[in-house]
């Protein structure tokens, strides 16, 4: 399409600004296939990846190579002790894989996932090859964009071990700019995507950030269910993820998760063929926009009161029609 005269050029410029970085359909297809290729390689070609195993070492090698090819300065950070019970430590040859895109302003924003799987029978496609895939493609995309803050992309070892040793080791030894926020990804390959309600109900800034990202990306897959606020207030949820390591260190953090077939959890049925490529793409778009929003400022974290999301906040998000690429619904106002 060609624009005629100054008015046409102005309209094109305005349209481009409103649409942001939305891709053409053929670009969506390419992005989906690239994401799925990562999951397939980790979960099917490499297979199970328990901490310290040969499969986990191959996964680290693949992640390191992928980050480097994406233009990200990447390294392994060795980690050799994994606690498998309250009384037993297993000495394992393992490592976190960390990629860094240097910024101009002080402060860093982290995106994390974990490359280990539960055991030698679990291929770990959803948990967490899906998170690693989104991490790698977020890094690829952000490497091509200007940025203010340093961006850190960390694939952790040992998430399936007692005490989250990989992410805790990373937090303890991080020597870069102070971490302003951490977004970890654990199960982002099926169904709707939401802020995980553990180890406590999500803080209000986390859901505001996801809502703002959805307003830009228009995936139709961001989920704000009131039960995600109600249930953690009534029952302790027996789950954990790497964002807890950052929360315990005072870093504002959230974990993105998704709906998934519960019967595949930590089993041999967590295979690549069950992954939904559309959810992978939606997760990529949401995470990319969340990072960009944090990088641009003012930070939603600073705007928030650092309290847990209230039920009225969730109900307002759930009751409003969220925008989608195919529709014209308006974004609800953020409490």
Protein backbone atom coordinates (compact mmCIF):
# COMPACT_ATOMS: atom_id res chain seq x y z
CA UNK A 1 0.00 0.00 0.00
CA UNK A 2 1.32 3.41 -0.89
CA UNK A 3 0.56 6.64 0.98
CA UNK A 4 -0.24 9.76 -1.04
CA UNK A 5 0.93 13.14 0.22
CA UNK A 6 1.65 14.33 3.74
CA UNK A 7 -1.71 13.23 5.14
CA UNK A 8 -1.23 9.68 3.93
CA UNK A 9 2.27 9.56 5.38
CA UNK A 10 1.00 10.90 8.70
CA UNK A 11 -1.76 8.28 8.80
CA UNK A 12 0.73 5.51 8.11
CA UNK A 13 3.01 6.77 10.87
CA UNK A 14 0.12 6.97 13.33
CA UNK A 15 -1.07 3.49 12.41
CA UNK A 16 2.42 2.07 12.87
CA UNK A 17 2.66 3.67 16.31
CA UNK A 18 -0.70 2.27 17.40
CA UNK A 19 0.08 -1.22 16.15
CA UNK A 20 3.48 -1.24 17.80
CA UNK A 21 5.55 -4.30 16.96
CA UNK A 22 2.76 -6.64 15.82
CA UNK A 23 3.95 -9.07 13.18
CA UNK A 24 2.49 -10.09 9.87
CA UNK A 25 0.85 -13.58 9.75
CA UNK A 26 3.87 -15.14 8.04
CA UNK A 27 6.09 -13.70 10.76
CA UNK A 28 3.84 -15.26 13.40
CA UNK A 29 4.28 -18.61 11.68
CA UNK A 30 8.06 -18.26 11.67
CA UNK A 31 8.10 -17.25 15.33
CA UNK A 32 5.85 -20.17 16.34
CA UNK A 33 8.04 -22.67 14.52
CA UNK A 34 11.21 -21.26 16.02
CA UNK A 35 9.73 -21.47 19.52
CA UNK A 36 8.51 -25.02 18.98
CA UNK A 37 11.90 -26.05 17.59
CA UNK A 38 13.51 -25.13 20.90
CA UNK A 39 10.94 -27.17 22.86
CA UNK A 40 11.27 -30.14 20.52
CA UNK A 41 15.05 -30.11 20.70
CA UNK A 42 15.13 -29.96 24.49
CA UNK A 43 12.26 -32.35 25.25
CA UNK A 44 12.44 -34.84 22.39
CA UNK A 45 15.94 -34.78 20.88
CA UNK A 46 17.73 -34.37 24.21
CA UNK A 47 14.94 -35.74 26.38
CA UNK A 48 14.94 -35.94 30.19
CA UNK A 49 17.35 -33.49 31.82
CA UNK A 50 17.66 -34.07 35.58
CA UNK A 51 20.27 -31.88 37.24
CA UNK A 52 23.80 -33.16 36.69
CA UNK A 53 22.84 -35.58 33.92
CA UNK A 54 24.32 -35.78 30.43
CA UNK A 55 20.98 -34.57 29.08
CA UNK A 56 21.12 -31.47 31.25
CA UNK A 57 24.67 -30.78 30.04
CA UNK A 58 23.48 -31.00 26.42
CA UNK A 59 20.66 -28.60 27.24
CA UNK A 60 23.11 -26.09 28.70
CA UNK A 61 25.25 -26.34 25.58
CA UNK A 62 22.23 -25.74 23.36
CA UNK A 63 21.05 -22.73 25.38
CA UNK A 64 24.52 -21.20 25.45
CA UNK A 65 24.85 -21.59 21.69
CA UNK A 66 21.36 -20.20 21.05
CA UNK A 67 21.98 -17.10 23.16
CA UNK A 68 25.34 -16.49 21.52
CA UNK A 69 23.85 -16.83 18.02
CA UNK A 70 21.15 -14.33 19.04
CA UNK A 71 23.83 -11.73 19.78
CA UNK A 72 23.73 -12.07 23.56
CA UNK A 73 26.93 -12.26 25.60
CA UNK A 74 26.43 -15.62 27.34
CA UNK A 75 28.32 -17.78 29.80
CA UNK A 76 27.93 -20.78 32.06
CA UNK A 77 28.06 -20.24 35.79
CA UNK A 78 29.00 -23.60 37.34
CA UNK A 79 26.92 -24.96 40.17
CA UNK A 80 28.03 -28.18 41.78
CA UNK A 81 25.91 -28.94 44.83
CA UNK A 82 22.23 -29.80 44.64
CA UNK A 83 20.25 -30.58 47.78
CA UNK A 84 17.90 -33.48 47.08
CA UNK A 85 16.52 -33.80 50.63
CA UNK A 86 16.86 -32.19 54.05
CA UNK A 87 19.77 -34.49 54.86
CA UNK A 88 21.31 -35.34 51.49
CA UNK A 89 23.48 -33.26 49.17
CA UNK A 90 24.34 -34.56 45.71
CA UNK A 91 27.54 -33.27 44.12
CA UNK A 92 26.60 -32.65 40.49
CA UNK A 93 28.42 -31.12 37.55
CA UNK A 94 25.87 -28.51 36.56
CA UNK A 95 25.55 -24.79 35.84
CA UNK A 96 23.24 -21.88 35.21
CA UNK A 97 23.43 -20.34 31.75
CA UNK A 98 23.36 -16.55 31.82
CA UNK A 99 23.10 -14.10 28.93
CA UNK A 100 23.47 -10.33 29.28
CA UNK A 101 22.55 -7.39 27.06
CA UNK A 102 24.26 -4.32 28.48
CA UNK A 103 22.16 -1.19 28.98
CA UNK A 104 22.87 2.49 29.48
CA UNK A 105 21.02 3.11 32.75
CA UNK A 106 21.75 1.62 36.14
CA UNK A 107 19.69 -1.40 37.00
CA UNK A 108 18.88 -4.73 35.35
CA UNK A 109 15.73 -6.64 34.39
CA UNK A 110 15.87 -10.42 34.44
CA UNK A 111 13.96 -13.07 32.49
CA UNK A 112 14.47 -16.58 33.83
CA UNK A 113 13.46 -20.18 33.18
CA UNK A 114 14.89 -23.58 34.12
CA UNK A 115 16.39 -26.17 31.83
CA UNK A 116 16.37 -29.19 34.17
CA UNK A 117 13.52 -31.68 34.17
CA UNK A 118 12.05 -33.55 37.13
CA UNK A 119 13.70 -36.94 36.65
CA UNK A 120 15.14 -39.38 34.13
CA UNK A 121 11.66 -40.34 32.86
CA UNK A 122 10.28 -36.81 32.37
CA UNK A 123 11.05 -35.04 29.05
CA UNK A 124 9.95 -31.73 30.59
CA UNK A 125 8.37 -30.11 27.53
CA UNK A 126 5.97 -27.86 29.43
CA UNK A 127 8.12 -27.93 32.57
CA UNK A 128 10.19 -26.16 31.46
CA UNK A 129 11.39 -26.39 27.87
CA UNK A 130 8.49 -24.05 27.06
CA UNK A 131 9.92 -21.41 29.41
CA UNK A 132 13.42 -21.79 27.98
CA UNK A 133 12.06 -21.42 24.44
CA UNK A 134 10.30 -18.16 25.30
CA UNK A 135 13.41 -16.93 27.12
CA UNK A 136 15.62 -17.62 24.09
CA UNK A 137 13.30 -15.89 21.64
CA UNK A 138 12.76 -12.93 23.97
CA UNK A 139 16.54 -12.56 24.10
CA UNK A 140 16.78 -12.79 20.32
CA UNK A 141 14.18 -10.08 19.85
CA UNK A 142 15.51 -7.74 22.53
CA UNK A 143 19.06 -7.99 21.17
CA UNK A 144 17.80 -6.16 18.07
CA UNK A 145 16.10 -3.33 19.96
CA UNK A 146 17.42 -0.27 21.84
CA UNK A 147 17.18 -0.54 25.62
CA UNK A 148 17.82 1.58 28.69
CA UNK A 149 18.54 -1.07 31.30
CA UNK A 150 20.73 -4.14 31.26
CA UNK A 151 18.70 -7.22 30.35
CA UNK A 152 19.61 -10.58 31.87
CA UNK A 153 18.44 -13.93 30.50
CA UNK A 154 19.11 -16.77 32.94
CA UNK A 155 18.36 -20.45 32.48
CA UNK A 156 18.64 -22.03 35.90
CA UNK A 157 19.66 -25.49 36.95
CA UNK A 158 18.19 -27.31 39.93
CA UNK A 159 14.68 -25.84 39.90
CA UNK A 160 13.32 -29.35 40.31
CA UNK A 161 15.58 -29.90 43.33
CA UNK A 162 14.86 -29.02 46.93
CA UNK A 163 15.49 -25.37 47.74
CA UNK A 164 15.82 -23.93 44.22
CA UNK A 165 19.63 -24.09 44.40
CA UNK A 166 20.37 -22.77 40.90
CA UNK A 167 18.45 -19.51 41.18
CA UNK A 168 19.55 -18.98 44.78
CA UNK A 169 23.17 -19.40 43.72
CA UNK A 170 22.62 -16.88 40.93
CA UNK A 171 21.12 -14.29 43.28
CA UNK A 172 23.91 -14.77 45.79
CA UNK A 173 26.68 -14.33 43.20
CA UNK A 174 25.18 -11.72 40.86
CA UNK A 175 27.76 -8.95 40.38
CA UNK A 176 26.01 -6.89 37.72
CA UNK A 177 23.73 -3.85 38.05
CA UNK A 178 21.12 -4.09 40.81
CA UNK A 179 18.16 -6.20 39.78
CA UNK A 180 15.04 -4.05 39.43
CA UNK A 181 12.66 -6.91 38.59
CA UNK A 182 12.65 -10.60 37.70
CA UNK A 183 10.17 -12.45 35.48
CA UNK A 184 10.48 -16.23 35.60
CA UNK A 185 8.70 -18.61 33.24
CA UNK A 186 7.49 -22.05 34.29
CA UNK A 187 4.85 -23.74 32.10
CA UNK A 188 4.07 -21.27 29.31
CA UNK A 189 3.13 -23.61 26.47
CA UNK A 190 -0.58 -24.46 26.83
CA UNK A 191 -3.87 -22.71 27.57
CA UNK A 192 -4.13 -19.30 29.20
CA UNK A 193 -1.18 -17.45 30.75
CA UNK A 194 -1.33 -15.95 34.25
CA UNK A 195 0.75 -14.71 37.16
CA UNK A 196 1.30 -17.74 39.39
CA UNK A 197 -0.42 -17.51 42.81
CA UNK A 198 2.47 -18.92 44.83
CA UNK A 199 4.30 -18.70 47.18
CA UNK A 200 1.58 -16.14 47.97
CA UNK A 201 -1.16 -14.32 46.01
CA UNK A 202 0.27 -12.15 43.21
CA UNK A 203 1.12 -8.58 44.11
CA UNK A 204 -0.89 -5.90 42.35
CA UNK A 205 2.01 -4.58 40.27
CA UNK A 206 2.53 -8.02 38.71
CA UNK A 207 -1.00 -8.26 37.37
CA UNK A 208 -0.94 -4.63 36.27
CA UNK A 209 2.20 -5.38 34.29
CA UNK A 210 0.62 -8.43 32.65
CA UNK A 211 -2.53 -6.43 31.85
CA UNK A 212 -0.51 -3.64 30.26
CA UNK A 213 1.44 -6.16 28.22
CA UNK A 214 -1.81 -7.76 27.05
CA UNK A 215 -3.13 -4.34 26.01
CA UNK A 216 -0.15 -4.01 23.70
CA UNK A 217 0.18 -7.58 22.48
CA UNK A 218 -3.55 -8.40 22.23
CA UNK A 219 -2.95 -12.15 22.52
CA UNK A 220 -6.34 -13.00 24.02
CA UNK A 221 -4.52 -15.47 26.30
CA UNK A 222 -3.79 -13.46 29.44
CA UNK A 223 -5.88 -14.83 32.30
CA UNK A 224 -7.19 -12.99 35.37
CA UNK A 225 -9.28 -15.52 37.28
CA UNK A 226 -10.52 -14.48 40.76
CA UNK A 227 -9.73 -17.95 42.05
CA UNK A 228 -6.04 -17.10 41.61
CA UNK A 229 -6.57 -14.56 44.39
CA UNK A 230 -9.08 -16.45 46.52
CA UNK A 231 -7.51 -19.92 46.73
CA UNK A 232 -4.05 -18.85 48.04
CA UNK A 233 -5.81 -16.98 50.84
CA UNK A 234 -7.68 -20.13 51.89
CA UNK A 235 -5.18 -22.91 51.25
CA UNK A 236 -1.38 -23.07 51.09
CA UNK A 237 -0.32 -24.07 47.56
CA UNK A 238 2.42 -26.73 47.59
CA UNK A 239 4.36 -25.25 44.68
CA UNK A 240 7.44 -23.16 44.19
CA UNK A 241 9.43 -21.66 41.32
CA UNK A 242 12.62 -19.72 40.81
CA UNK A 243 11.00 -16.32 41.36
CA UNK A 244 10.87 -17.21 45.06
CA UNK A 245 14.66 -16.89 45.22
CA UNK A 246 14.38 -13.30 44.04
CA UNK A 247 11.43 -12.48 46.30
CA UNK A 248 13.41 -13.72 49.30
CA UNK A 249 16.22 -11.37 48.30
CA UNK A 250 13.92 -8.36 48.05
CA UNK A 251 13.78 -8.23 44.24
CA UNK A 252 10.25 -7.60 42.87
CA UNK A 253 9.48 -10.83 41.03
CA UNK A 254 6.71 -12.78 39.39
CA UNK A 255 6.33 -16.17 37.78
CA UNK A 256 4.32 -16.62 34.60
CA UNK A 257 2.55 -19.93 34.29
CA UNK A 258 -0.32 -21.40 32.28
CA UNK A 259 -3.13 -23.90 32.20
CA UNK A 260 -1.85 -27.42 31.50
CA UNK A 261 -3.05 -31.06 31.70
CA UNK A 262 -2.41 -31.83 35.37
CA UNK A 263 -1.98 -35.54 34.71
CA UNK A 264 1.18 -34.85 32.68
CA UNK A 265 2.87 -32.98 35.55
CA UNK A 266 6.31 -34.46 36.26
CA UNK A 267 5.57 -37.56 34.18
CA UNK A 268 6.74 -39.16 30.95
CA UNK A 269 3.67 -37.62 29.28
CA UNK A 270 5.08 -34.08 29.43
CA UNK A 271 6.08 -34.27 25.78
CA UNK A 272 6.59 -31.72 23.01
CA UNK A 273 3.57 -32.87 21.00
CA UNK A 274 1.26 -31.53 23.75
CA UNK A 275 2.62 -28.00 23.43
CA UNK A 276 0.34 -25.37 21.87
CA UNK A 277 2.37 -23.23 19.49
CA UNK A 278 -0.14 -20.38 19.77
CA UNK A 279 0.34 -20.22 23.53
CA UNK A 280 4.11 -20.22 23.06
CA UNK A 281 3.76 -17.25 20.72
CA UNK A 282 1.39 -15.44 23.09
CA UNK A 283 3.83 -15.99 25.96
CA UNK A 284 6.66 -14.58 23.86
CA UNK A 285 4.62 -11.48 23.01
CA UNK A 286 3.55 -10.97 26.62
CA UNK A 287 7.04 -11.38 28.05
CA UNK A 288 8.60 -9.14 25.40
CA UNK A 289 6.11 -6.40 26.17
CA UNK A 290 6.49 -6.82 29.92
CA UNK A 291 10.24 -6.35 29.58
CA UNK A 292 9.77 -3.31 27.35
CA UNK A 293 7.30 -1.72 29.77
CA UNK A 294 9.71 -2.21 32.66
CA UNK A 295 12.58 -0.89 30.57
CA UNK A 296 10.68 2.22 29.45
CA UNK A 297 9.38 3.34 32.84
CA UNK A 298 7.84 4.70 34.90
CA UNK A 299 7.84 1.27 36.48
CA UNK A 300 4.51 -0.38 37.35
CA UNK A 301 6.33 -1.59 40.43
CA UNK A 302 6.87 1.96 41.63
CA UNK A 303 3.23 2.79 40.88
CA UNK A 304 1.93 -0.16 42.88
CA UNK A 305 1.52 -0.27 46.64
CA UNK A 306 3.42 -3.59 46.82
CA UNK A 307 0.36 -5.25 48.34
CA UNK A 308 -1.26 -8.44 47.10
CA UNK A 309 -3.83 -8.04 44.35
CA UNK A 310 -7.24 -7.34 45.80
CA UNK A 311 -10.28 -9.29 44.69
CA UNK A 312 -11.87 -6.15 43.18
CA UNK A 313 -8.74 -5.74 41.05
CA UNK A 314 -9.16 -9.24 39.66
CA UNK A 315 -12.88 -8.88 39.16
CA UNK A 316 -12.40 -5.66 37.20
CA UNK A 317 -9.88 -7.35 34.92
CA UNK A 318 -11.97 -10.50 34.54
CA UNK A 319 -15.22 -8.65 33.95
CA UNK A 320 -13.85 -6.35 31.27
CA UNK A 321 -13.46 -7.43 27.70
CA UNK A 322 -9.78 -7.81 26.94
CA UNK A 323 -8.59 -6.78 23.46
CA UNK A 324 -7.61 -9.39 20.90
CA UNK A 325 -5.97 -9.13 17.52
CA UNK A 326 -9.23 -10.03 15.86
CA UNK A 327 -11.49 -7.80 17.96
CA UNK A 328 -11.90 -4.18 18.96
CA UNK A 329 -12.62 -4.43 22.69
CA UNK A 330 -11.14 -1.76 24.90
CA UNK A 331 -8.61 -2.36 27.63
CA UNK A 332 -10.07 -2.06 31.13
CA UNK A 333 -8.63 0.68 33.32
CA UNK A 334 -6.00 -0.61 35.71
CA UNK A 335 -6.82 -0.21 39.42
